[in-house]
Amino acid sequence: LKGNFKLEYLGQAKLFIDRSQSPFIFIYADGTAIIIN
C-alpha cells in the first residue's frame, strides 16, 4: 500500500507499507499520520 488512505480511528493517513510484514512505524507530523515499514 502506497499513498493516501482512510484508516479506522486515524482517519486520513499516508502509507508506505507491506501490510503482510509487521511491525509498522507510526510517524506523526503536522497532524498527519505516516506509516512505513
Full PDB file with SEQRES, HELIX, SHEET, SSBOND, CRYST1, ORIGX, SCALE, CONECT and MASTER records, all heavy atoms in Angstrom:
SEQRES   1 A   37  LEU LYS GLY ASN PHE LYS LEU GLU TYR LEU GLY GLN ALA          
SEQRES   2 A   37  LYS LEU PHE ILE ASP ARG SER GLN SER PRO PHE ILE PHE          
SEQRES   3 A   37  ILE TYR ALA ASP GLY THR ALA ILE ILE ILE ASN                  
SHEET    1 AA1 4 LYS A   2  LEU A   7  0                                        
SHEET    2 AA1 4 GLY A  11  PHE A  16 -1                                        
SHEET    3 AA1 4 THR A  32  ILE A  36  1                                        
SHEET    4 AA1 4 ILE A  25  ALA A  29 -1                                        
CRYST1    1.000    1.000    1.000  90.00  90.00  90.00 P 1           1          
ORIGX1      1.000000  0.000000  0.000000        0.00000                         
ORIGX2      0.000000  1.000000  0.000000        0.00000                         
ORIGX3      0.000000  0.000000  1.000000        0.00000                         
SCALE1      1.000000  0.000000  0.000000        0.00000                         
SCALE2      0.000000  1.000000  0.000000        0.00000                         
SCALE3      0.000000  0.000000  1.000000        0.00000                         
ATOM      1  N   LEU A   1       0.848  -1.191   0.000  1.00  0.00           N  
ATOM      2  CA  LEU A   1       0.000   0.000   0.000  1.00  0.00           C  
ATOM      3  C   LEU A   1       0.885   1.243   0.000  1.00  0.00           C  
ATOM      4  O   LEU A   1       1.777   1.389   0.844  1.00  0.00           O  
ATOM      5  CB  LEU A   1      -0.909   0.027   1.230  1.00  0.00           C  
ATOM      6  CG  LEU A   1      -1.787  -1.191   1.491  1.00  0.00           C  
ATOM      7  CD1 LEU A   1      -2.650  -0.975   2.726  1.00  0.00           C  
ATOM      8  CD2 LEU A   1      -2.671  -1.503   0.292  1.00  0.00           C  
ATOM      9  N   LYS A   2       0.621   2.143  -0.946  1.00  0.00           N  
ATOM     10  CA  LYS A   2       1.378   3.394  -1.025  1.00  0.00           C  
ATOM     11  C   LYS A   2       0.428   4.539  -1.323  1.00  0.00           C  
ATOM     12  O   LYS A   2      -0.455   4.417  -2.171  1.00  0.00           O  
ATOM     13  CB  LYS A   2       2.423   3.320  -2.144  1.00  0.00           C  
ATOM     14  CG  LYS A   2       3.517   2.303  -1.937  1.00  0.00           C  
ATOM     15  CD  LYS A   2       4.482   2.331  -3.111  1.00  0.00           C  
ATOM     16  CE  LYS A   2       5.571   1.293  -2.981  1.00  0.00           C  
ATOM     17  NZ  LYS A   2       6.483   1.312  -4.148  1.00  0.00           N  
ATOM     18  N   GLY A   3       0.616   5.656  -0.622  1.00  0.00           N  
ATOM     19  CA  GLY A   3      -0.193   6.832  -0.892  1.00  0.00           C  
ATOM     20  C   GLY A   3      -1.168   7.136   0.225  1.00  0.00           C  
ATOM     21  O   GLY A   3      -0.948   6.781   1.386  1.00  0.00           O  
ATOM     22  N   ASN A   4      -2.266   7.801  -0.141  1.00  0.00           N  
ATOM     23  CA  ASN A   4      -3.219   8.295   0.847  1.00  0.00           C  
ATOM     24  C   ASN A   4      -4.398   7.339   1.030  1.00  0.00           C  
ATOM     25  O   ASN A   4      -5.046   6.954   0.051  1.00  0.00           O  
ATOM     26  CB  ASN A   4      -3.734   9.667   0.407  1.00  0.00           C  
ATOM     27  CG  ASN A   4      -2.601  10.679   0.308  1.00  0.00           C  
ATOM     28  OD1 ASN A   4      -2.061  11.126   1.314  1.00  0.00           O  
ATOM     29  ND2 ASN A   4      -2.237  11.043  -0.909  1.00  0.00           N  
ATOM     30  N   PHE A   5      -4.663   7.014   2.286  1.00  0.00           N  
ATOM     31  CA  PHE A   5      -5.746   6.096   2.637  1.00  0.00           C  
ATOM     32  C   PHE A   5      -6.497   6.633   3.860  1.00  0.00           C  
ATOM     33  O   PHE A   5      -5.949   7.419   4.638  1.00  0.00           O  
ATOM     34  CB  PHE A   5      -5.194   4.700   2.969  1.00  0.00           C  
ATOM     35  CG  PHE A   5      -4.556   3.997   1.808  1.00  0.00           C  
ATOM     36  CD1 PHE A   5      -3.266   4.313   1.403  1.00  0.00           C  
ATOM     37  CD2 PHE A   5      -5.238   3.011   1.113  1.00  0.00           C  
ATOM     38  CE1 PHE A   5      -2.670   3.671   0.334  1.00  0.00           C  
ATOM     39  CE2 PHE A   5      -4.651   2.359   0.040  1.00  0.00           C  
ATOM     40  CZ  PHE A   5      -3.365   2.691  -0.355  1.00  0.00           C  
ATOM     41  N   LYS A   6      -7.741   6.187   3.993  1.00  0.00           N  
ATOM     42  CA  LYS A   6      -8.508   6.499   5.183  1.00  0.00           C  
ATOM     43  C   LYS A   6      -8.524   5.271   6.080  1.00  0.00           C  
ATOM     44  O   LYS A   6      -8.907   4.187   5.653  1.00  0.00           O  
ATOM     45  CB  LYS A   6      -9.950   6.901   4.817  1.00  0.00           C  
ATOM     46  CG  LYS A   6     -10.777   7.346   6.021  1.00  0.00           C  
ATOM     47  CD  LYS A   6     -12.169   7.792   5.587  1.00  0.00           C  
ATOM     48  CE  LYS A   6     -12.980   8.255   6.786  1.00  0.00           C  
ATOM     49  NZ  LYS A   6     -14.361   8.673   6.374  1.00  0.00           N  
ATOM     50  N   LEU A   7      -8.082   5.460   7.333  1.00  0.00           N  
ATOM     51  CA  LEU A   7      -7.977   4.344   8.266  1.00  0.00           C  
ATOM     52  C   LEU A   7      -8.978   4.487   9.410  1.00  0.00           C  
ATOM     53  O   LEU A   7      -9.355   5.598   9.788  1.00  0.00           O  
ATOM     54  CB  LEU A   7      -6.565   4.263   8.857  1.00  0.00           C  
ATOM     55  CG  LEU A   7      -5.386   4.194   7.882  1.00  0.00           C  
ATOM     56  CD1 LEU A   7      -4.092   4.007   8.647  1.00  0.00           C  
ATOM     57  CD2 LEU A   7      -5.576   3.065   6.890  1.00  0.00           C  
ATOM     58  N   GLU A   8      -9.383   3.358   9.944  1.00  0.00           N  
ATOM     59  CA  GLU A   8     -10.255   3.368  11.106  1.00  0.00           C  
ATOM     60  C   GLU A   8      -9.514   4.025  12.271  1.00  0.00           C  
ATOM     61  O   GLU A   8      -8.327   3.768  12.478  1.00  0.00           O  
ATOM     62  CB  GLU A   8     -10.635   1.927  11.473  1.00  0.00           C  
ATOM     63  CG  GLU A   8     -11.681   1.824  12.563  1.00  0.00           C  
ATOM     64  CD  GLU A   8     -12.090   0.388  12.826  1.00  0.00           C  
ATOM     65  OE1 GLU A   8     -11.312  -0.520  12.476  1.00  0.00           O  
ATOM     66  OE2 GLU A   8     -13.183   0.181  13.383  1.00  0.00           O  
ATOM     67  N   TYR A   9     -10.205   4.881  12.997  1.00  0.00           N  
ATOM     68  CA  TYR A   9      -9.683   5.631  14.147  1.00  0.00           C  
ATOM     69  C   TYR A   9      -8.747   6.781  13.754  1.00  0.00           C  
ATOM     70  O   TYR A   9      -8.874   7.891  14.254  1.00  0.00           O  
ATOM     71  CB  TYR A   9      -8.936   4.720  15.138  1.00  0.00           C  
ATOM     72  CG  TYR A   9      -9.734   3.531  15.596  1.00  0.00           C  
ATOM     73  CD1 TYR A   9      -9.237   2.243  15.460  1.00  0.00           C  
ATOM     74  CD2 TYR A   9     -11.019   3.686  16.134  1.00  0.00           C  
ATOM     75  CE1 TYR A   9      -9.968   1.136  15.864  1.00  0.00           C  
ATOM     76  CE2 TYR A   9     -11.764   2.592  16.541  1.00  0.00           C  
ATOM     77  CZ  TYR A   9     -11.234   1.316  16.402  1.00  0.00           C  
ATOM     78  OH  TYR A   9     -11.965   0.230  16.792  1.00  0.00           O  
ATOM     79  N   LEU A  10      -7.815   6.518  12.850  1.00  0.00           N  
ATOM     80  CA  LEU A  10      -6.837   7.554  12.498  1.00  0.00           C  
ATOM     81  C   LEU A  10      -7.362   8.556  11.480  1.00  0.00           C  
ATOM     82  O   LEU A  10      -6.921   9.687  11.429  1.00  0.00           O  
ATOM     83  CB  LEU A  10      -5.572   6.909  11.931  1.00  0.00           C  
ATOM     84  CG  LEU A  10      -4.567   6.326  12.921  1.00  0.00           C  
ATOM     85  CD1 LEU A  10      -3.364   5.789  12.180  1.00  0.00           C  
ATOM     86  CD2 LEU A  10      -4.137   7.357  13.942  1.00  0.00           C  
ATOM     87  N   GLY A  11      -8.288   8.135  10.645  1.00  0.00           N  
ATOM     88  CA  GLY A  11      -8.753   8.997   9.564  1.00  0.00           C  
ATOM     89  C   GLY A  11      -7.755   8.976   8.423  1.00  0.00           C  
ATOM     90  O   GLY A  11      -7.182   7.933   8.089  1.00  0.00           O  
ATOM     91  N   GLN A  12      -7.505  10.136   7.795  1.00  0.00           N  
ATOM     92  CA  GLN A  12      -6.583  10.199   6.665  1.00  0.00           C  
ATOM     93  C   GLN A  12      -5.146   9.932   7.124  1.00  0.00           C  
ATOM     94  O   GLN A  12      -4.690  10.477   8.123  1.00  0.00           O  
ATOM     95  CB  GLN A  12      -6.662  11.566   5.993  1.00  0.00           C  
ATOM     96  CG  GLN A  12      -7.955  11.805   5.237  1.00  0.00           C  
ATOM     97  CD  GLN A  12      -8.118  10.868   4.044  1.00  0.00           C  
ATOM     98  OE1 GLN A  12      -7.145  10.506   3.399  1.00  0.00           O  
ATOM     99  NE2 GLN A  12      -9.344  10.488   3.753  1.00  0.00           N  
ATOM    100  N   ALA A  13      -4.455   9.083   6.374  1.00  0.00           N  
ATOM    101  CA  ALA A  13      -3.066   8.760   6.686  1.00  0.00           C  
ATOM    102  C   ALA A  13      -2.337   8.445   5.385  1.00  0.00           C  
ATOM    103  O   ALA A  13      -2.957   8.133   4.367  1.00  0.00           O  
ATOM    104  CB  ALA A  13      -2.990   7.581   7.634  1.00  0.00           C  
ATOM    105  N   LYS A  14      -1.027   8.552   5.431  1.00  0.00           N  
ATOM    106  CA  LYS A  14      -0.210   8.215   4.262  1.00  0.00           C  
ATOM    107  C   LYS A  14       0.554   6.936   4.583  1.00  0.00           C  
ATOM    108  O   LYS A  14       1.216   6.841   5.631  1.00  0.00           O  
ATOM    109  CB  LYS A  14       0.749   9.352   3.919  1.00  0.00           C  
ATOM    110  CG  LYS A  14       1.270   9.268   2.491  1.00  0.00           C  
ATOM    111  CD  LYS A  14       1.791  10.609   2.009  1.00  0.00           C  
ATOM    112  CE  LYS A  14       2.162  10.536   0.521  1.00  0.00           C  
ATOM    113  NZ  LYS A  14       2.658  11.827   0.012  1.00  0.00           N  
ATOM    114  N   LEU A  15       0.450   5.964   3.692  1.00  0.00           N  
ATOM    115  CA  LEU A  15       1.039   4.657   3.942  1.00  0.00           C  
ATOM    116  C   LEU A  15       2.144   4.338   2.935  1.00  0.00           C  
ATOM    117  O   LEU A  15       2.027   4.636   1.742  1.00  0.00           O  
ATOM    118  CB  LEU A  15      -0.027   3.562   3.859  1.00  0.00           C  
ATOM    119  CG  LEU A  15      -1.302   3.739   4.686  1.00  0.00           C  
ATOM    120  CD1 LEU A  15      -2.211   2.525   4.510  1.00  0.00           C  
ATOM    121  CD2 LEU A  15      -0.972   3.945   6.157  1.00  0.00           C  
ATOM    122  N   PHE A  16       3.188   3.711   3.442  1.00  0.00           N  
ATOM    123  CA  PHE A  16       4.256   3.150   2.615  1.00  0.00           C  
ATOM    124  C   PHE A  16       4.595   1.800   3.235  1.00  0.00           C  
ATOM    125  O   PHE A  16       5.637   1.633   3.860  1.00  0.00           O  
ATOM    126  CB  PHE A  16       5.483   4.058   2.612  1.00  0.00           C  
ATOM    127  CG  PHE A  16       5.232   5.425   2.045  1.00  0.00           C  
ATOM    128  CD1 PHE A  16       4.853   6.466   2.874  1.00  0.00           C  
ATOM    129  CD2 PHE A  16       5.356   5.669   0.685  1.00  0.00           C  
ATOM    130  CE1 PHE A  16       4.604   7.734   2.369  1.00  0.00           C  
ATOM    131  CE2 PHE A  16       5.114   6.936   0.168  1.00  0.00           C  
ATOM    132  CZ  PHE A  16       4.733   7.962   1.008  1.00  0.00           C  
ATOM    133  N   ILE A  17       3.699   0.842   3.077  1.00  0.00           N  
ATOM    134  CA  ILE A  17       3.832  -0.399   3.836  1.00  0.00           C  
ATOM    135  C   ILE A  17       3.570  -1.641   2.988  1.00  0.00           C  
ATOM    136  O   ILE A  17       2.890  -1.601   1.974  1.00  0.00           O  
ATOM    137  CB  ILE A  17       2.844  -0.426   5.026  1.00  0.00           C  
ATOM    138  CG1 ILE A  17       1.398  -0.407   4.528  1.00  0.00           C  
ATOM    139  CG2 ILE A  17       3.115   0.717   5.987  1.00  0.00           C  
ATOM    140  CD1 ILE A  17       0.366  -0.687   5.620  1.00  0.00           C  
ATOM    141  N   ASP A  18       4.142  -2.728   3.465  1.00  0.00           N  
ATOM    142  CA  ASP A  18       3.741  -4.065   3.069  1.00  0.00           C  
ATOM    143  C   ASP A  18       2.986  -4.592   4.282  1.00  0.00           C  
ATOM    144  O   ASP A  18       3.597  -4.934   5.289  1.00  0.00           O  
ATOM    145  CB  ASP A  18       4.968  -4.923   2.756  1.00  0.00           C  
ATOM    146  CG  ASP A  18       4.598  -6.339   2.342  1.00  0.00           C  
ATOM    147  OD1 ASP A  18       3.424  -6.732   2.540  1.00  0.00           O  
ATOM    148  OD2 ASP A  18       5.471  -7.065   1.855  1.00  0.00           O  
ATOM    149  N   ARG A  19       1.658  -4.624   4.192  1.00  0.00           N  
ATOM    150  CA  ARG A  19       0.889  -4.940   5.399  1.00  0.00           C  
ATOM    151  C   ARG A  19       0.989  -6.406   5.809  1.00  0.00           C  
ATOM    152  O   ARG A  19       0.450  -6.787   6.852  1.00  0.00           O  
ATOM    153  CB  ARG A  19      -0.566  -4.527   5.248  1.00  0.00           C  
ATOM    154  CG  ARG A  19      -1.335  -5.119   4.097  1.00  0.00           C  
ATOM    155  CD  ARG A  19      -2.762  -4.617   4.154  1.00  0.00           C  
ATOM    156  NE  ARG A  19      -3.492  -4.919   2.928  1.00  0.00           N  
ATOM    157  CZ  ARG A  19      -4.739  -4.518   2.683  1.00  0.00           C  
ATOM    158  NH1 ARG A  19      -5.384  -3.801   3.605  1.00  0.00           N  
ATOM    159  NH2 ARG A  19      -5.344  -4.808   1.564  1.00  0.00           N  
ATOM    160  N   SER A  20       1.681  -7.226   5.009  1.00  0.00           N  
ATOM    161  CA  SER A  20       1.907  -8.609   5.420  1.00  0.00           C  
ATOM    162  C   SER A  20       3.148  -8.735   6.296  1.00  0.00           C  
ATOM    163  O   SER A  20       3.435  -9.804   6.822  1.00  0.00           O  
ATOM    164  CB  SER A  20       2.067  -9.507   4.182  1.00  0.00           C  
ATOM    165  OG  SER A  20       3.273  -9.218   3.492  1.00  0.00           O  
ATOM    166  N   GLN A  21       3.887  -7.612   6.438  1.00  0.00           N  
ATOM    167  CA  GLN A  21       5.124  -7.617   7.207  1.00  0.00           C  
ATOM    168  C   GLN A  21       5.028  -6.653   8.381  1.00  0.00           C  
ATOM    169  O   GLN A  21       5.044  -5.449   8.199  1.00  0.00           O  
ATOM    170  CB  GLN A  21       6.316  -7.224   6.316  1.00  0.00           C  
ATOM    171  CG  GLN A  21       6.576  -8.146   5.150  1.00  0.00           C  
ATOM    172  CD  GLN A  21       7.106  -9.494   5.576  1.00  0.00           C  
ATOM    173  OE1 GLN A  21       7.726  -9.639   6.639  1.00  0.00           O  
ATOM    174  NE2 GLN A  21       6.880 -10.500   4.756  1.00  0.00           N  
ATOM    175  N   SER A  22       4.877  -7.157   9.587  1.00  0.00           N  
ATOM    176  CA  SER A  22       4.896  -6.298  10.771  1.00  0.00           C  
ATOM    177  C   SER A  22       6.316  -6.302  11.342  1.00  0.00           C  
ATOM    178  O   SER A  22       7.105  -7.208  11.021  1.00  0.00           O  
ATOM    179  CB  SER A  22       3.897  -6.806  11.810  1.00  0.00           C  
ATOM    180  OG  SER A  22       4.266  -8.105  12.256  1.00  0.00           O  
ATOM    181  N   PRO A  23       6.675  -5.291  12.149  1.00  0.00           N  
ATOM    182  CA  PRO A  23       5.841  -4.209  12.688  1.00  0.00           C  
ATOM    183  C   PRO A  23       5.764  -3.027  11.720  1.00  0.00           C  
ATOM    184  O   PRO A  23       6.293  -3.081  10.600  1.00  0.00           O  
ATOM    185  CB  PRO A  23       6.579  -3.831  13.963  1.00  0.00           C  
ATOM    186  CG  PRO A  23       8.028  -4.101  13.622  1.00  0.00           C  
ATOM    187  CD  PRO A  23       8.018  -5.305  12.739  1.00  0.00           C  
ATOM    188  N   PHE A  24       5.136  -1.948  12.231  1.00  0.00           N  
ATOM    189  CA  PHE A  24       4.929  -0.746  11.443  1.00  0.00           C  
ATOM    190  C   PHE A  24       5.377   0.466  12.252  1.00  0.00           C  
ATOM    191  O   PHE A  24       5.155   0.540  13.449  1.00  0.00           O  
ATOM    192  CB  PHE A  24       3.453  -0.597  11.066  1.00  0.00           C  
ATOM    193  CG  PHE A  24       2.878  -1.804  10.381  1.00  0.00           C  
ATOM    194  CD1 PHE A  24       2.263  -2.808  11.114  1.00  0.00           C  
ATOM    195  CD2 PHE A  24       2.981  -1.947   9.002  1.00  0.00           C  
ATOM    196  CE1 PHE A  24       1.740  -3.938  10.495  1.00  0.00           C  
ATOM    197  CE2 PHE A  24       2.466  -3.068   8.368  1.00  0.00           C  
ATOM    198  CZ  PHE A  24       1.845  -4.069   9.114  1.00  0.00           C  
ATOM    199  N   ILE A  25       6.006   1.411  11.556  1.00  0.00           N  
ATOM    200  CA  ILE A  25       6.471   2.636  12.210  1.00  0.00           C  
ATOM    201  C   ILE A  25       5.445   3.738  11.982  1.00  0.00           C  
ATOM    202  O   ILE A  25       5.089   4.035  10.837  1.00  0.00           O  
ATOM    203  CB  ILE A  25       7.837   3.071  11.651  1.00  0.00           C  
ATOM    204  CG1 ILE A  25       8.883   1.961  11.888  1.00  0.00           C  
ATOM    205  CG2 ILE A  25       8.297   4.377  12.298  1.00  0.00           C  
ATOM    206  CD1 ILE A  25      10.220   2.221  11.195  1.00  0.00           C  
ATOM    207  N   PHE A  26       4.965   4.328  13.069  1.00  0.00           N  
ATOM    208  CA  PHE A  26       3.975   5.405  13.004  1.00  0.00           C  
ATOM    209  C   PHE A  26       4.683   6.734  13.225  1.00  0.00           C  
ATOM    210  O   PHE A  26       5.305   6.954  14.268  1.00  0.00           O  
ATOM    211  CB  PHE A  26       2.901   5.219  14.080  1.00  0.00           C  
ATOM    212  CG  PHE A  26       1.915   4.125  13.774  1.00  0.00           C  
ATOM    213  CD1 PHE A  26       2.318   2.789  13.750  1.00  0.00           C  
ATOM    214  CD2 PHE A  26       0.573   4.420  13.528  1.00  0.00           C  
ATOM    215  CE1 PHE A  26       1.412   1.774  13.478  1.00  0.00           C  
ATOM    216  CE2 PHE A  26      -0.337   3.416  13.261  1.00  0.00           C  
ATOM    217  CZ  PHE A  26       0.074   2.090  13.219  1.00  0.00           C  
ATOM    218  N   ILE A  27       4.591   7.610  12.230  1.00  0.00           N  
ATOM    219  CA  ILE A  27       5.199   8.939  12.307  1.00  0.00           C  
ATOM    220  C   ILE A  27       4.076   9.972  12.278  1.00  0.00           C  
ATOM    221  O   ILE A  27       3.251   9.965  11.360  1.00  0.00           O  
ATOM    222  CB  ILE A  27       6.148   9.181  11.114  1.00  0.00           C  
ATOM    223  CG1 ILE A  27       7.209   8.076  11.047  1.00  0.00           C  
ATOM    224  CG2 ILE A  27       6.798  10.555  11.203  1.00  0.00           C  
ATOM    225  CD1 ILE A  27       7.998   8.060   9.746  1.00  0.00           C  
ATOM    226  N   TYR A  28       4.039  10.852  13.285  1.00  0.00           N  
ATOM    227  CA  TYR A  28       3.008  11.888  13.333  1.00  0.00           C  
ATOM    228  C   TYR A  28       3.672  13.239  13.106  1.00  0.00           C  
ATOM    229  O   TYR A  28       4.474  13.695  13.924  1.00  0.00           O  
ATOM    230  CB  TYR A  28       2.283  11.861  14.684  1.00  0.00           C  
ATOM    231  CG  TYR A  28       1.557  10.567  14.936  1.00  0.00           C  
ATOM    232  CD1 TYR A  28       2.190   9.505  15.594  1.00  0.00           C  
ATOM    233  CD2 TYR A  28       0.235  10.381  14.524  1.00  0.00           C  
ATOM    234  CE1 TYR A  28       1.528   8.306  15.824  1.00  0.00           C  
ATOM    235  CE2 TYR A  28      -0.435   9.187  14.750  1.00  0.00           C  
ATOM    236  CZ  TYR A  28       0.219   8.160  15.393  1.00  0.00           C  
ATOM    237  OH  TYR A  28      -0.439   6.965  15.619  1.00  0.00           O  
ATOM    238  N   ALA A  29       3.335  13.859  11.972  1.00  0.00           N  
ATOM    239  CA  ALA A  29       3.938  15.142  11.617  1.00  0.00           C  
ATOM    240  C   ALA A  29       2.877  16.067  11.051  1.00  0.00           C  
ATOM    241  O   ALA A  29       2.109  15.671  10.165  1.00  0.00           O  
ATOM    242  CB  ALA A  29       5.054  14.941  10.602  1.00  0.00           C  
ATOM    243  N   ASP A  30       2.829  17.285  11.576  1.00  0.00           N  
ATOM    244  CA  ASP A  30       1.853  18.293  11.112  1.00  0.00           C  
ATOM    245  C   ASP A  30       0.426  17.759  11.159  1.00  0.00           C  
ATOM    246  O   ASP A  30      -0.394  18.022  10.270  1.00  0.00           O  
ATOM    247  CB  ASP A  30       2.193  18.745   9.689  1.00  0.00           C  
ATOM    248  CG  ASP A  30       3.517  19.497   9.632  1.00  0.00           C  
ATOM    249  OD1 ASP A  30       3.844  20.183  10.626  1.00  0.00           O  
ATOM    250  OD2 ASP A  30       4.218  19.386   8.609  1.00  0.00           O  
ATOM    251  N   GLY A  31       0.126  16.979  12.196  1.00  0.00           N  
ATOM    252  CA  GLY A  31      -1.232  16.471  12.381  1.00  0.00           C  
ATOM    253  C   GLY A  31      -1.609  15.315  11.475  1.00  0.00           C  
ATOM    254  O   GLY A  31      -2.778  14.905  11.432  1.00  0.00           O  
ATOM    255  N   THR A  32      -0.643  14.788  10.730  1.00  0.00           N  
ATOM    256  CA  THR A  32      -0.918  13.680   9.815  1.00  0.00           C  
ATOM    257  C   THR A  32      -0.118  12.453  10.222  1.00  0.00           C  
ATOM    258  O   THR A  32       1.043  12.551  10.618  1.00  0.00           O  
ATOM    259  CB  THR A  32      -0.532  14.070   8.375  1.00  0.00           C  
ATOM    260  OG1 THR A  32      -1.269  15.226   7.993  1.00  0.00           O  
ATOM    261  CG2 THR A  32      -0.848  12.941   7.399  1.00  0.00           C  
ATOM    262  N   ALA A  33      -0.752  11.290  10.097  1.00  0.00           N  
ATOM    263  CA  ALA A  33      -0.072  10.035  10.401  1.00  0.00           C  
ATOM    264  C   ALA A  33       0.557   9.481   9.126  1.00  0.00           C  
ATOM    265  O   ALA A  33      -0.098   9.402   8.083  1.00  0.00           O  
ATOM    266  CB  ALA A  33      -1.043   9.024  10.978  1.00  0.00           C  
ATOM    267  N   ILE A  34       1.826   9.120   9.217  1.00  0.00           N  
ATOM    268  CA  ILE A  34       2.544   8.485   8.115  1.00  0.00           C  
ATOM    269  C   ILE A  34       3.041   7.147   8.645  1.00  0.00           C  
ATOM    270  O   ILE A  34       3.733   7.096   9.663  1.00  0.00           O  
ATOM    271  CB  ILE A  34       3.728   9.341   7.640  1.00  0.00           C  
ATOM    272  CG1 ILE A  34       3.227  10.725   7.209  1.00  0.00           C  
ATOM    273  CG2 ILE A  34       4.461   8.667   6.485  1.00  0.00           C  
ATOM    274  CD1 ILE A  34       4.320  11.756   7.087  1.00  0.00           C  
ATOM    275  N   ILE A  35       2.660   6.075   7.991  1.00  0.00           N  
ATOM    276  CA  ILE A  35       3.007   4.728   8.462  1.00  0.00           C  
ATOM    277  C   ILE A  35       3.908   4.069   7.433  1.00  0.00           C  
ATOM    278  O   ILE A  35       3.580   4.018   6.243  1.00  0.00           O  
ATOM    279  CB  ILE A  35       1.744   3.880   8.692  1.00  0.00           C  
ATOM    280  CG1 ILE A  35       0.770   4.618   9.616  1.00  0.00           C  
ATOM    281  CG2 ILE A  35       2.117   2.522   9.290  1.00  0.00           C  
ATOM    282  CD1 ILE A  35      -0.556   3.913   9.808  1.00  0.00           C  
ATOM    283  N   ILE A  36       5.043   3.546   7.896  1.00  0.00           N  
ATOM    284  CA  ILE A  36       6.010   2.927   6.996  1.00  0.00           C  
ATOM    285  C   ILE A  36       6.482   1.594   7.573  1.00  0.00           C  
ATOM    286  O   ILE A  36       6.329   1.332   8.772  1.00  0.00           O  
ATOM    287  CB  ILE A  36       7.224   3.840   6.737  1.00  0.00           C  
ATOM    288  CG1 ILE A  36       8.047   3.997   8.028  1.00  0.00           C  
ATOM    289  CG2 ILE A  36       6.787   5.198   6.226  1.00  0.00           C  
ATOM    290  CD1 ILE A  36       9.353   4.767   7.839  1.00  0.00           C  
ATOM    291  N   ASN A  37       7.054   0.772   6.716  1.00  0.00           N  
ATOM    292  CA  ASN A  37       7.827  -0.378   7.180  1.00  0.00           C  
ATOM    293  C   ASN A  37       8.763  -0.820   6.074  1.00  0.00           C  
ATOM    294  O   ASN A  37       8.703  -0.321   4.945  1.00  0.00           O  
ATOM    295  CB  ASN A  37       6.937  -1.525   7.685  1.00  0.00           C  
ATOM    296  CG  ASN A  37       6.173  -2.240   6.581  1.00  0.00           C  
ATOM    297  OD1 ASN A  37       6.169  -1.830   5.422  1.00  0.00           O  
ATOM    298  ND2 ASN A  37       5.494  -3.318   6.943  1.00  0.00           N  
TER     299      ASN A  37                                                      
MASTER        0    0    0    0    4    0    0    6  298    1    0    3          
END                                                                             
